[in-house]
């Protein structure tokens, strides 16, 4: 059962962000965003001194020798440019810095906006 993320009382970068409560909520939040907006992926922020920004996509299983089902994690630069992209297996994702940040209470995501 997924609990909805709780709003934080301290906004980062003037946007009220939602705290990610559990590792399994990351997949749920990505898919929720994709369904509601029709756009692939969801942005997450690690609330550290560097305020690292990532976009996570959940890739379906491919049949033609491509990547297996699992997360695609993109590290984003200042104007939203992709600095790096990782296609991960689920077990690899559980060791990613996003999951570590969630465990430390430092992983946040903006609420889904369904209007342009």
Protein backbone atom coordinates (compact mmCIF):
# COMPACT_ATOMS: atom_id res chain seq x y z
CA UNK A 1 0.00 0.00 0.00
CA UNK A 2 1.39 3.36 -0.98
CA UNK A 3 1.06 6.31 1.34
CA UNK A 4 0.79 9.64 -0.40
CA UNK A 5 3.81 11.89 0.13
CA UNK A 6 3.44 14.57 2.75
CA UNK A 7 3.98 18.23 1.83
CA UNK A 8 7.04 19.78 3.38
CA UNK A 9 6.77 22.94 5.41
CA UNK A 10 10.06 24.25 4.01
CA UNK A 11 9.90 24.87 0.27
CA UNK A 12 13.03 24.44 -1.84
CA UNK A 13 13.59 26.84 -4.75
CA UNK A 14 10.22 28.51 -4.12
CA UNK A 15 8.26 25.37 -5.02
CA UNK A 16 6.40 23.41 -2.38
CA UNK A 17 7.83 19.90 -2.62
CA UNK A 18 6.42 16.60 -1.43
CA UNK A 19 8.53 14.35 0.76
CA UNK A 20 9.01 10.79 -0.58
CA UNK A 21 8.18 8.45 2.29
CA UNK A 22 9.33 5.01 1.07
CA UNK A 23 11.51 3.58 -1.73
CA UNK A 24 8.54 1.87 -3.38
CA UNK A 25 6.78 5.25 -3.60
CA UNK A 26 9.31 6.38 -6.23
CA UNK A 27 7.90 3.99 -8.86
CA UNK A 28 4.34 4.89 -7.86
CA UNK A 29 5.04 8.64 -8.10
CA UNK A 30 6.72 8.27 -11.51
CA UNK A 31 3.80 6.30 -12.92
CA UNK A 32 1.26 8.67 -11.34
CA UNK A 33 2.94 11.62 -13.03
CA UNK A 34 3.08 9.84 -16.38
CA UNK A 35 -0.63 8.96 -16.24
CA UNK A 36 -1.78 12.41 -15.16
CA UNK A 37 0.46 14.48 -17.44
CA UNK A 38 1.02 12.19 -20.42
CA UNK A 39 4.76 12.97 -20.18
CA UNK A 40 7.44 10.44 -19.39
CA UNK A 41 9.22 10.60 -16.03
CA UNK A 42 9.09 12.63 -12.84
CA UNK A 43 11.56 15.03 -11.28
CA UNK A 44 13.07 14.40 -7.84
CA UNK A 45 15.29 16.66 -5.75
CA UNK A 46 17.84 15.58 -3.17
CA UNK A 47 17.71 18.27 -0.50
CA UNK A 48 21.41 18.47 0.24
CA UNK A 49 23.87 21.33 -0.08
CA UNK A 50 24.10 20.61 -3.83
CA UNK A 51 20.33 20.16 -4.38
CA UNK A 52 20.82 17.49 -7.02
CA UNK A 53 17.96 17.11 -9.50
CA UNK A 54 17.05 13.83 -11.19
CA UNK A 55 14.33 12.68 -13.58
CA UNK A 56 13.22 9.07 -13.22
CA UNK A 57 11.39 7.11 -15.94
CA UNK A 58 10.01 3.61 -15.46
CA UNK A 59 10.89 1.61 -18.55
CA UNK A 60 8.67 -1.31 -19.53
CA UNK A 61 10.13 -4.68 -20.45
CA UNK A 62 11.39 -4.73 -24.05
CA UNK A 63 11.19 -7.84 -26.19
CA UNK A 64 13.87 -7.13 -28.79
CA UNK A 65 17.10 -7.36 -26.81
CA UNK A 66 16.84 -3.86 -25.34
CA UNK A 67 16.99 -2.91 -21.70
CA UNK A 68 15.04 -4.91 -19.14
CA UNK A 69 12.16 -3.39 -17.22
CA UNK A 70 13.25 -0.95 -14.56
CA UNK A 71 14.13 2.64 -13.82
CA UNK A 72 16.00 5.02 -16.07
CA UNK A 73 17.63 7.72 -13.95
CA UNK A 74 18.75 10.99 -15.50
CA UNK A 75 20.90 13.49 -13.62
CA UNK A 76 19.77 16.97 -14.70
CA UNK A 77 21.83 20.14 -15.00
CA UNK A 78 20.73 23.71 -14.42
CA UNK A 79 18.50 24.29 -17.46
CA UNK A 80 17.10 20.74 -17.31
CA UNK A 81 19.72 19.28 -19.62
CA UNK A 82 20.53 15.59 -19.12
CA UNK A 83 24.06 15.29 -17.71
CA UNK A 84 24.00 11.50 -17.38
CA UNK A 85 21.58 8.62 -17.92
CA UNK A 86 21.56 5.24 -16.21
CA UNK A 87 19.42 2.23 -17.17
CA UNK A 88 19.21 0.27 -13.93
CA UNK A 89 17.99 -3.09 -12.75
CA UNK A 90 15.72 -2.86 -9.72
CA UNK A 91 18.42 -4.18 -7.37
CA UNK A 92 20.84 -1.52 -8.68
CA UNK A 93 18.25 1.20 -8.18
CA UNK A 94 17.84 0.22 -4.53
CA UNK A 95 21.52 1.17 -4.07
CA UNK A 96 21.22 4.48 -5.96
CA UNK A 97 21.72 7.83 -4.19
CA UNK A 98 18.00 8.63 -4.70
CA UNK A 99 17.03 5.73 -2.44
CA UNK A 100 19.76 6.65 0.05
CA UNK A 101 18.42 10.22 0.13
CA UNK A 102 14.89 8.92 0.69
CA UNK A 103 16.07 6.86 3.66
CA UNK A 104 17.66 10.01 5.12
CA UNK A 105 14.48 12.04 4.61
CA UNK A 106 16.09 14.17 1.89
CA UNK A 107 14.18 13.10 -1.24
CA UNK A 108 11.43 15.37 -2.54
CA UNK A 109 9.33 15.80 -5.68
CA UNK A 110 7.17 18.64 -6.97
CA UNK A 111 3.43 18.00 -7.04
CA UNK A 112 2.01 16.90 -10.41
CA UNK A 113 0.76 19.78 -12.52
CA UNK A 114 -1.92 18.73 -14.99
CA UNK A 115 -2.26 22.16 -16.58
CA UNK A 116 0.41 23.73 -18.83
